[in-house]
Amino acid sequence: MKTITVYIQILLFVLLVLSVVMTIPVHCTANLLQNIDIPSSWNPVGSGARAMGMGGAFIGVADDATAASWNPAGLIQLETPEISMVGNYVYRSSDDSYGTNPEADNSNSIDKISINYFSASYPFELFNTNMIVSINYQNLYEFNAGGSFFLSQHEVQGINTWDLDRNIDMEQTGNLYAVGLAYSVQIHPKLSMGFTLNFWKKWFGNNGWREKYSESAAGTLTIDPPGPVFIVTPISRNETSVKNYEFDGFNTNLGILWNATGKLTLGTVLKTSFTADLDFSYSSSSGSSLNERQHLDMPMSYGLGAAYRFSDALTISADIYRTEWKDFILTQADGTKVSPITGLSRQESDIDSTIQVRIGGEYLIIDPKFVIPLRAGLFYDPAPPTGSPDKYYGFSLGSGLACGSWVFDIAYQFRWADNVKESILKNFNYSSDVKEHQIYTSLIFHF
């Protein structure tokens, strides 16, 4: 009987060791991907090389086909039918710091080419009133990011001590886009109103993002209960997990444009909040999987813009834009509501609204046969972490050529921030210095 008791004790001890070993990847990685991280601007107010060349200060200008994304009331300024397309190249780099584990400090970069915007617009007159309709594609959020790092961890919990070397790879890809149907009407010679109906559907490929996490870990587990007996067990494990999110929703942009004087134009835009269906799937190399429908509340945002035309050649503009990020809420399949920014419940999260400020200008070199624009702008583009916003700043330069029915525009934008994204990997005292270079090109053809 005594022998059987000893065997049972040994068996229970071995099972204890195995159970602890099996929980190591969960224990060490549970907090790594608890948030939604948007590497691009959290506040995409519009598209277009011309607008971006002016620092994105375009709500009060909005006089080309990209107005559907900035201020749909401005579409009424288009006098002839036109087709436009905007391409975008982005190169983003980050210097990442892990305060608790300096051996993990590293630099990462990513680049991508994509279609940023496409539109077809048609102005017409009905009941002696000027009107215009357009159909638009806009790529609003870009999720491409990734990196690799090494962690050497020593952690004690009760009688258990882990010494682990971890090689971790994280990759995120995807984008969110909307197909819009826009309409604008001139209700007074100096006042127009408009709206854009945005359909966030997977009509042109996936509308969502994918997160892949891979880790290889090796080390030892030491169990040291009271008494002279302790055990050291070598441990190793390789784990890969993939999360997929598919996004489906609908919202509206509402805009007003007022030509207050012959030189001053004022504009305002409201982008309504909405609840999107978020089809979530999870799979891992260990065989676990999950498929469920979640819901993501997207926040309301609104802005004001002013443009002053000193002459036919010179225009100066400024925008201010606010987004209510406290209303950005993920509802899981079981009804639990969390902030995708913090990974915590809505009550535990302290999320401020963000306020963008953008100023810009355009000077036209006018020749009877062509026009060459010179553009520049500055902007403050905060992102919404816990507490005060992450502070992103930027500037832009732009030019182009208008000749006959064709208009070509190009813009360069540089956006940067120091010590941001601290809410993503809280357990590692993480922060990042970000530098982002973007080039926009637009081609417009007037019929």
Protein backbone atom coordinates (compact mmCIF):
# COMPACT_ATOMS: atom_id res chain seq x y z
CA MET A 1 0.00 0.00 0.00
CA LYS A 2 2.85 2.40 0.81
CA THR A 3 4.39 1.74 -2.62
CA ILE A 4 1.11 2.53 -4.36
CA THR A 5 0.83 5.75 -2.38
CA VAL A 6 4.34 6.80 -3.46
CA TYR A 7 3.51 6.06 -7.11
CA ILE A 8 0.33 8.10 -6.84
CA GLN A 9 2.27 11.03 -5.33
CA ILE A 10 4.88 10.81 -8.10
CA LEU A 11 2.17 10.67 -10.75
CA LEU A 12 0.39 13.68 -9.28
CA PHE A 13 3.69 15.57 -9.14
CA VAL A 14 4.44 14.77 -12.80
CA LEU A 15 0.94 15.86 -13.80
CA LEU A 16 1.48 19.09 -11.89
CA VAL A 17 4.73 19.73 -13.77
CA LEU A 18 3.10 18.98 -17.13
CA SER A 19 0.13 21.21 -16.39
CA VAL A 20 2.41 24.10 -15.46
CA VAL A 21 4.56 23.58 -18.57
CA MET A 22 1.50 23.52 -20.81
CA THR A 23 0.31 26.85 -19.44
CA ILE A 24 3.59 28.65 -20.11
CA PRO A 25 2.78 29.96 -23.60
CA VAL A 26 -0.63 31.17 -22.41
CA HIS A 27 0.86 32.79 -19.35
CA CYS A 28 3.55 34.55 -21.31
CA THR A 29 1.60 35.62 -24.39
CA ALA A 30 -1.91 36.33 -23.13
CA ASN A 31 -1.39 40.10 -23.08
CA LEU A 32 0.47 40.47 -26.39
CA LEU A 33 -2.44 40.88 -28.80
CA GLN A 34 -5.31 42.18 -26.69
CA ASN A 35 -5.76 45.45 -28.56
CA ILE A 36 -6.62 46.68 -32.03
CA ASP A 37 -3.60 48.52 -33.41
CA ILE A 38 -4.08 50.81 -36.44
CA PRO A 39 -0.59 51.68 -37.74
CA SER A 40 -1.88 54.34 -40.14
CA SER A 41 -3.70 57.46 -39.00
CA TRP A 42 -6.58 56.75 -36.64
CA ASN A 43 -8.38 59.75 -38.13
CA PRO A 44 -8.61 59.31 -41.92
CA VAL A 45 -10.74 62.29 -42.88
CA GLY A 46 -10.27 62.13 -46.64
CA SER A 47 -8.17 61.22 -49.66
CA GLY A 48 -6.38 62.72 -52.62
CA ALA A 49 -2.93 64.02 -53.55
CA ARG A 50 -4.13 67.62 -53.78
CA ALA A 51 -5.71 67.58 -50.33
CA MET A 52 -2.76 65.77 -48.76
CA GLY A 53 -0.35 68.23 -50.34
CA MET A 54 -2.20 70.95 -48.41
CA GLY A 55 -1.71 69.09 -45.14
CA GLY A 56 -5.21 67.59 -45.28
CA ALA A 57 -6.83 70.99 -44.63
CA PHE A 58 -9.59 70.45 -47.19
CA ILE A 59 -13.04 70.55 -45.51
CA GLY A 60 -13.50 74.19 -46.49
CA VAL A 61 -12.01 73.68 -49.99
CA ALA A 62 -13.45 70.35 -51.20
CA ASP A 63 -13.60 71.35 -54.86
CA ASP A 64 -12.59 68.09 -56.56
CA ALA A 65 -14.00 64.57 -56.65
CA THR A 66 -12.38 63.61 -53.33
CA ALA A 67 -14.89 65.98 -51.69
CA ALA A 68 -17.10 62.92 -51.11
CA SER A 69 -14.60 61.87 -48.44
CA TRP A 70 -13.85 65.36 -47.03
CA ASN A 71 -17.10 67.29 -47.36
CA PRO A 72 -19.66 65.97 -49.85
CA ALA A 73 -21.31 69.40 -50.13
CA GLY A 74 -18.22 70.54 -52.03
CA LEU A 75 -18.98 68.23 -54.95
CA ILE A 76 -21.36 70.89 -56.29
CA GLN A 77 -18.28 72.88 -57.37
CA LEU A 78 -17.51 70.33 -60.11
CA GLU A 79 -18.78 71.76 -63.39
CA THR A 80 -18.08 68.82 -65.72
CA PRO A 81 -18.16 65.03 -65.36
CA GLU A 82 -14.87 63.54 -64.24
CA ILE A 83 -13.10 60.34 -63.29
CA SER A 84 -10.30 60.31 -60.75
CA MET A 85 -7.91 57.80 -59.23
CA VAL A 86 -5.48 58.15 -56.32
CA GLY A 87 -2.54 55.85 -55.66
CA ASN A 88 -0.61 55.66 -52.41
CA TYR A 89 2.82 54.41 -51.36
CA VAL A 90 3.67 54.17 -47.65
CA TYR A 91 6.95 53.37 -45.92
CA ARG A 92 6.67 53.15 -42.14
CA SER A 93 9.49 52.41 -39.69
CA SER A 94 9.51 52.09 -35.92
CA ASP A 95 12.15 51.94 -33.20
CA ASP A 96 10.62 49.76 -30.50
CA SER A 97 11.64 49.80 -26.85
CA TYR A 98 10.80 47.22 -24.16
CA GLY A 99 11.56 48.79 -20.79
CA THR A 100 11.38 45.53 -18.84
CA ASN A 101 13.43 43.61 -21.41
CA PRO A 102 15.96 45.82 -23.23
CA GLU A 103 17.29 42.80 -25.12
CA ALA A 104 14.06 42.94 -27.15
CA ASP A 105 14.66 46.51 -28.41
CA ASN A 106 14.59 46.52 -32.22
CA SER A 107 13.67 48.37 -35.39
CA ASN A 108 11.05 47.31 -37.93
CA SER A 109 9.75 48.66 -41.22
CA ILE A 110 7.08 47.94 -43.77
CA ASP A 111 6.07 49.37 -47.17
CA LYS A 112 3.01 49.00 -49.37
CA ILE A 113 1.46 50.33 -52.58
CA SER A 114 -2.32 50.56 -52.84
CA ILE A 115 -5.25 52.34 -54.49
CA ASN A 116 -6.29 55.05 -52.08
CA TYR A 117 -9.32 56.44 -53.90
CA PHE A 118 -11.38 56.11 -57.08
CA SER A 119 -14.41 58.12 -58.18
CA ALA A 120 -16.72 58.95 -61.05
CA SER A 121 -18.78 62.14 -60.80
CA TYR A 122 -21.61 63.56 -62.91
CA PRO A 123 -23.10 67.04 -62.44
CA PHE A 124 -26.59 67.84 -63.77
CA GLU A 125 -29.49 70.26 -63.41
CA LEU A 126 -32.95 69.27 -62.21
CA PHE A 127 -35.87 71.63 -61.47
CA ASN A 128 -33.52 74.54 -62.22
CA THR A 129 -31.25 73.38 -59.41
CA ASN A 130 -27.61 72.31 -59.71
CA MET A 131 -26.93 68.79 -58.47
CA ILE A 132 -24.21 66.16 -58.70
CA VAL A 133 -23.86 62.45 -57.99
CA SER A 134 -20.71 60.37 -57.66
CA ILE A 135 -19.62 56.87 -56.80
CA ASN A 136 -16.43 56.47 -54.82
CA TYR A 137 -14.01 53.92 -53.40
CA GLN A 138 -11.91 54.98 -50.41
CA ASN A 139 -9.27 53.00 -48.52
CA LEU A 140 -9.70 54.40 -45.00
CA TYR A 141 -7.65 52.29 -42.57
CA GLU A 142 -4.42 50.43 -43.28
CA PHE A 143 -3.31 47.69 -40.86
CA ASN A 144 0.05 46.61 -42.24
CA ALA A 145 2.62 46.20 -39.47
CA GLY A 146 4.93 43.58 -38.05
CA GLY A 147 8.16 42.79 -36.33
CA SER A 148 10.35 40.22 -34.64
CA PHE A 149 11.99 40.40 -31.24
CA PHE A 150 13.74 38.29 -28.61
CA LEU A 151 12.83 38.09 -24.92
CA SER A 152 14.83 36.54 -22.11
CA GLN A 153 12.51 36.16 -19.13
CA HIS A 154 12.99 35.12 -15.52
CA GLU A 155 9.73 34.96 -13.58
CA VAL A 156 8.82 33.55 -10.17
CA GLN A 157 5.29 32.59 -9.18
CA GLY A 158 4.98 30.80 -5.87
CA ILE A 159 7.05 27.61 -6.05
CA ASN A 160 7.43 27.88 -9.85
CA THR A 161 10.33 29.66 -11.57
CA TRP A 162 10.50 30.08 -15.34
CA ASP A 163 13.66 30.92 -17.26
CA LEU A 164 12.70 31.34 -20.90
CA ASP A 165 14.27 32.50 -24.15
CA ARG A 166 11.50 33.52 -26.53
CA ASN A 167 11.70 34.36 -30.24
CA ILE A 168 8.51 36.14 -31.29
CA ASP A 169 7.20 37.17 -34.71
CA MET A 170 4.10 39.32 -35.12
CA GLU A 171 2.51 40.26 -38.44
CA GLN A 172 -0.61 42.27 -39.20
CA THR A 173 -2.06 42.84 -42.69
CA GLY A 174 -5.25 44.18 -44.19
CA ASN A 175 -7.30 47.31 -44.70
CA LEU A 176 -10.79 48.75 -44.26
CA TYR A 177 -12.43 50.43 -47.22
CA ALA A 178 -15.82 51.86 -48.10
CA VAL A 179 -17.72 52.23 -51.35
CA GLY A 180 -19.65 55.48 -51.29
CA LEU A 181 -22.59 56.93 -53.17
CA ALA A 182 -22.50 60.72 -52.88
CA TYR A 183 -24.97 63.47 -53.74
CA SER A 184 -24.77 67.26 -53.46
CA VAL A 185 -27.31 69.99 -54.18
CA GLN A 186 -26.99 73.75 -54.41
CA ILE A 187 -29.77 75.13 -52.22
CA HIS A 188 -28.59 78.75 -52.62
CA PRO A 189 -25.97 80.36 -54.89
CA LYS A 190 -23.65 80.49 -51.88
CA LEU A 191 -24.77 77.38 -49.97
CA SER A 192 -24.69 73.68 -50.79
CA MET A 193 -25.42 70.48 -48.87
CA GLY A 194 -24.42 66.89 -49.54
CA PHE A 195 -24.11 63.38 -48.20
CA THR A 196 -22.13 60.23 -48.86
CA LEU A 197 -23.56 56.79 -48.11
CA ASN A 198 -20.63 54.54 -47.16
CA PHE A 199 -20.96 50.78 -47.61
CA TRP A 200 -18.17 48.92 -45.78
CA LYS A 201 -18.56 45.64 -47.68
CA LYS A 202 -16.10 43.08 -49.06
CA TRP A 203 -17.04 43.92 -52.65
CA PHE A 204 -13.42 44.31 -53.81
CA GLY A 205 -11.65 41.63 -51.82
CA ASN A 206 -11.37 41.21 -48.08
CA ASN A 207 -12.54 44.11 -45.95
CA GLY A 208 -10.77 43.48 -42.66
CA TRP A 209 -7.44 42.47 -41.21
CA ARG A 210 -5.39 39.47 -40.13
CA GLU A 211 -3.04 39.05 -37.17
CA LYS A 212 -0.45 36.27 -37.07
CA TYR A 213 1.58 35.47 -33.96
CA SER A 214 4.44 32.94 -33.89
CA GLU A 215 6.66 32.03 -30.97
CA SER A 216 9.40 29.52 -30.26
CA ALA A 217 10.36 29.25 -26.58
CA ALA A 218 12.98 27.19 -24.75
CA GLY A 219 14.19 27.18 -21.17
CA THR A 220 13.66 25.56 -17.81
CA LEU A 221 10.93 25.29 -15.22
CA THR A 222 12.04 24.90 -11.61
CA ILE A 223 9.51 23.68 -9.04
CA ASP A 224 10.78 24.15 -5.50
CA PRO A 225 8.16 23.17 -2.90
CA PRO A 226 8.96 23.27 0.85
CA GLY A 227 11.54 20.66 1.74
CA PRO A 228 14.76 19.39 0.21
CA VAL A 229 13.20 18.14 -3.03
CA PHE A 230 12.95 20.30 -6.13
CA ILE A 231 12.78 19.53 -9.83
CA VAL A 232 14.21 21.31 -12.89
CA THR A 233 12.49 20.47 -16.16
CA PRO A 234 13.63 21.57 -19.64
CA ILE A 235 10.76 23.06 -21.61
CA SER A 236 10.29 24.04 -25.24
CA ARG A 237 7.33 24.80 -27.38
CA ASN A 238 6.50 26.25 -30.80
CA GLU A 239 3.18 28.00 -31.22
CA THR A 240 1.50 29.84 -34.09
CA SER A 241 -1.88 31.52 -33.92
CA VAL A 242 -3.90 33.45 -36.49
CA LYS A 243 -6.76 35.88 -35.94
CA ASN A 244 -8.98 37.06 -38.81
CA TYR A 245 -11.47 39.92 -38.70
CA GLU A 246 -14.03 40.60 -41.45
CA PHE A 247 -15.77 43.99 -41.26
CA ASP A 248 -19.29 44.85 -42.51
CA GLY A 249 -21.10 48.13 -41.83
CA PHE A 250 -22.76 51.29 -43.11
CA ASN A 251 -22.54 54.99 -42.24
CA THR A 252 -23.11 58.45 -43.68
CA ASN A 253 -21.04 61.60 -44.23
CA LEU A 254 -23.10 64.82 -44.06
CA GLY A 255 -21.63 68.11 -45.25
CA ILE A 256 -22.37 71.80 -45.69
CA LEU A 257 -20.33 74.33 -47.68
CA TRP A 258 -20.98 78.07 -47.43
CA ASN A 259 -19.35 80.72 -49.56
CA ALA A 260 -19.50 83.35 -46.83
CA THR A 261 -17.86 86.09 -48.89
CA GLY A 262 -16.24 86.28 -52.26
CA LYS A 263 -13.00 85.09 -50.67
CA LEU A 264 -13.96 83.11 -47.53
CA THR A 265 -15.50 79.63 -47.68
CA LEU A 266 -16.62 77.70 -44.58
CA GLY A 267 -17.38 73.99 -44.44
CA THR A 268 -18.51 71.44 -41.91
CA VAL A 269 -18.78 67.65 -42.02
CA LEU A 270 -20.31 65.01 -39.76
CA LYS A 271 -19.45 61.32 -40.08
CA THR A 272 -22.05 59.29 -38.25
CA SER A 273 -21.30 56.55 -35.74
CA PHE A 274 -22.30 53.01 -36.62
CA THR A 275 -22.14 49.42 -35.43
CA ALA A 276 -20.33 47.02 -37.74
CA ASP A 277 -20.54 43.24 -37.80
CA LEU A 278 -17.11 41.78 -37.10
CA ASP A 279 -16.75 38.12 -38.05
CA PHE A 280 -13.89 36.81 -35.92
CA SER A 281 -11.99 33.56 -36.39
CA TYR A 282 -9.08 32.16 -34.43
CA SER A 283 -6.89 29.12 -35.01
CA SER A 284 -3.64 27.89 -33.52
CA SER A 285 -1.08 25.21 -34.22
CA SER A 286 -2.13 23.49 -30.98
CA GLY A 287 -5.49 22.70 -32.59
CA SER A 288 -7.69 25.22 -30.81
CA SER A 289 -10.07 27.31 -32.92
CA LEU A 290 -12.96 29.72 -32.58
CA ASN A 291 -15.46 31.34 -34.92
CA GLU A 292 -17.92 33.95 -33.74
CA ARG A 293 -19.62 37.18 -34.69
CA GLN A 294 -18.63 40.24 -32.72
CA HIS A 295 -19.78 43.84 -33.09
CA LEU A 296 -17.59 46.92 -33.33
CA ASP A 297 -19.02 50.36 -32.53
CA MET A 298 -17.28 52.96 -34.68
CA PRO A 299 -17.27 56.48 -33.22
CA MET A 300 -18.84 59.65 -34.53
CA SER A 301 -16.50 62.33 -35.87
CA TYR A 302 -17.01 65.87 -37.10
CA GLY A 303 -15.00 68.81 -38.31
CA LEU A 304 -14.95 72.45 -39.37
CA GLY A 305 -12.90 73.96 -42.16
CA ALA A 306 -12.19 77.41 -43.56
CA ALA A 307 -10.51 78.48 -46.79
CA TYR A 308 -9.52 82.00 -47.74
CA ARG A 309 -8.74 82.86 -51.34
CA PHE A 310 -6.44 85.86 -51.42
CA SER A 311 -6.42 85.77 -55.22
CA ASP A 312 -7.04 83.35 -58.08
CA ALA A 313 -3.54 82.02 -57.39
CA LEU A 314 -3.32 81.81 -53.59
CA THR A 315 -5.53 79.89 -51.13
CA ILE A 316 -4.92 79.24 -47.41
CA SER A 317 -7.01 76.70 -45.49
CA ALA A 318 -7.37 75.31 -41.97
CA ASP A 319 -9.35 72.43 -40.43
CA ILE A 320 -10.17 71.20 -36.95
CA TYR A 321 -11.57 67.69 -36.55
CA ARG A 322 -12.75 65.70 -33.52
CA THR A 323 -13.37 61.95 -33.04
CA GLU A 324 -15.23 60.51 -30.03
CA TRP A 325 -12.99 57.50 -29.34
CA LYS A 326 -14.63 56.73 -25.99
CA ASP A 327 -17.48 55.26 -28.09
CA PHE A 328 -15.14 52.85 -29.92
CA ILE A 329 -16.38 49.60 -28.32
CA LEU A 330 -16.00 45.91 -29.16
CA THR A 331 -18.89 43.68 -28.12
CA GLN A 332 -17.84 40.05 -27.95
CA ALA A 333 -20.14 37.14 -28.75
CA ASP A 334 -21.04 36.65 -25.07
CA GLY A 335 -22.06 40.31 -24.73
CA THR A 336 -18.88 41.49 -22.99
CA LYS A 337 -18.01 45.07 -23.97
CA VAL A 338 -14.35 46.11 -24.08
CA SER A 339 -12.33 48.99 -25.44
CA PRO A 340 -10.26 47.79 -28.43
CA ILE A 341 -7.75 50.49 -27.53
CA THR A 342 -6.99 49.28 -23.99
CA GLY A 343 -8.28 45.69 -24.01
CA LEU A 344 -10.14 46.52 -20.80
CA SER A 345 -13.84 46.96 -20.07
CA ARG A 346 -15.45 50.23 -21.06
CA GLN A 347 -15.73 51.25 -17.40
CA GLU A 348 -12.04 50.61 -16.77
CA SER A 349 -10.85 52.45 -19.88
CA ASP A 350 -9.90 56.11 -19.88
CA ILE A 351 -10.08 57.19 -23.53
CA ASP A 352 -9.99 60.83 -24.57
CA SER A 353 -11.42 62.22 -27.78
CA THR A 354 -8.83 63.29 -30.33
CA ILE A 355 -8.71 66.66 -32.03
CA GLN A 356 -6.84 67.06 -35.30
CA VAL A 357 -5.54 70.43 -36.47
CA ARG A 358 -4.49 70.92 -40.09
CA ILE A 359 -3.34 74.00 -42.01
CA GLY A 360 -2.23 74.29 -45.62
CA GLY A 361 -1.89 76.43 -48.66
CA GLU A 362 -1.85 76.31 -52.45
CA TYR A 363 -0.23 78.71 -54.92
CA LEU A 364 -0.95 78.35 -58.64
CA ILE A 365 1.49 79.22 -61.39
CA ILE A 366 -1.01 80.05 -64.13
CA ASP A 367 -0.15 79.91 -67.83
CA PRO A 368 -2.69 80.03 -70.69
CA LYS A 369 -1.80 76.43 -71.58
CA PHE A 370 -1.24 74.88 -68.16
CA VAL A 371 -1.32 75.37 -64.40
CA ILE A 372 1.37 74.24 -61.95
CA PRO A 373 0.36 74.18 -58.27
CA LEU A 374 2.71 74.50 -55.31
CA ARG A 375 1.32 73.17 -52.02
CA ALA A 376 2.40 72.74 -48.42
CA GLY A 377 0.82 71.92 -45.07
CA LEU A 378 1.29 71.09 -41.40
CA PHE A 379 -0.85 68.88 -39.19
CA TYR A 380 -1.31 67.47 -35.69
CA ASP A 381 -2.82 63.97 -35.92
CA PRO A 382 -3.21 62.35 -32.45
CA ALA A 383 -4.01 58.68 -31.83
CA PRO A 384 -6.21 57.52 -28.92
CA PRO A 385 -4.43 55.44 -26.25
CA THR A 386 -5.27 55.28 -22.54
CA GLY A 387 -5.28 58.74 -20.97
CA SER A 388 -3.90 61.54 -23.11
CA PRO A 389 -3.60 60.92 -26.88
CA ASP A 390 -0.41 59.80 -28.60
CA LYS A 391 0.97 62.88 -30.32
CA TYR A 392 1.67 62.51 -34.04
CA TYR A 393 2.86 65.46 -36.12
CA GLY A 394 3.49 65.91 -39.81
CA PHE A 395 4.09 68.10 -42.80
CA SER A 396 3.43 67.75 -46.52
CA LEU A 397 4.55 69.14 -49.86
CA GLY A 398 2.81 68.84 -53.19
CA SER A 399 2.70 69.89 -56.81
CA GLY A 400 1.29 68.73 -60.13
CA LEU A 401 0.25 69.76 -63.60
CA ALA A 402 -3.14 70.69 -65.08
CA CYS A 403 -3.35 70.74 -68.84
CA GLY A 404 -6.56 70.62 -70.82
CA SER A 405 -8.84 67.87 -69.55
CA TRP A 406 -6.11 66.20 -67.51
CA VAL A 407 -4.96 67.00 -63.98
CA PHE A 408 -2.02 65.25 -62.33
CA ASP A 409 -1.14 65.83 -58.66
CA ILE A 410 1.57 64.43 -56.42
CA ALA A 411 2.16 64.91 -52.68
CA TYR A 412 4.71 63.81 -50.11
CA GLN A 413 3.71 63.50 -46.47
CA PHE A 414 5.94 62.85 -43.45
CA ARG A 415 4.32 61.85 -40.15
CA TRP A 416 6.18 61.06 -36.93
CA ALA A 417 5.77 60.43 -33.20
CA ASP A 418 7.97 59.59 -30.21
CA ASN A 419 7.16 57.31 -27.28
CA VAL A 420 3.74 56.18 -28.50
CA LYS A 421 1.67 52.95 -28.40
CA GLU A 422 2.42 52.39 -24.73
CA SER A 423 -1.01 50.80 -24.21
CA ILE A 424 -0.34 47.90 -26.61
CA LEU A 425 2.17 45.79 -24.59
CA LYS A 426 1.67 47.14 -21.09
CA ASN A 427 3.43 44.27 -19.29
CA PHE A 428 6.68 45.03 -21.11
CA ASN A 429 6.71 48.82 -20.63
CA TYR A 430 6.64 49.12 -24.41
CA SER A 431 6.92 52.31 -26.46
CA SER A 432 7.68 53.12 -30.08
CA ASP A 433 9.16 55.95 -32.13
CA VAL A 434 7.38 56.04 -35.50
CA LYS A 435 8.37 57.61 -38.81
CA GLU A 436 6.03 57.37 -41.79
CA HIS A 437 6.65 58.51 -45.38
CA GLN A 438 3.76 58.58 -47.85
CA ILE A 439 3.52 59.52 -51.51
CA TYR A 440 0.13 60.21 -53.08
CA THR A 441 -0.50 60.53 -56.82
CA SER A 442 -3.80 61.58 -58.38
CA LEU A 443 -4.96 61.53 -61.97
CA ILE A 444 -8.19 63.30 -62.95
CA PHE A 445 -9.87 63.39 -66.35
CA HIS A 446 -12.63 65.90 -67.12
CA PHE A 447 -15.12 65.03 -69.87
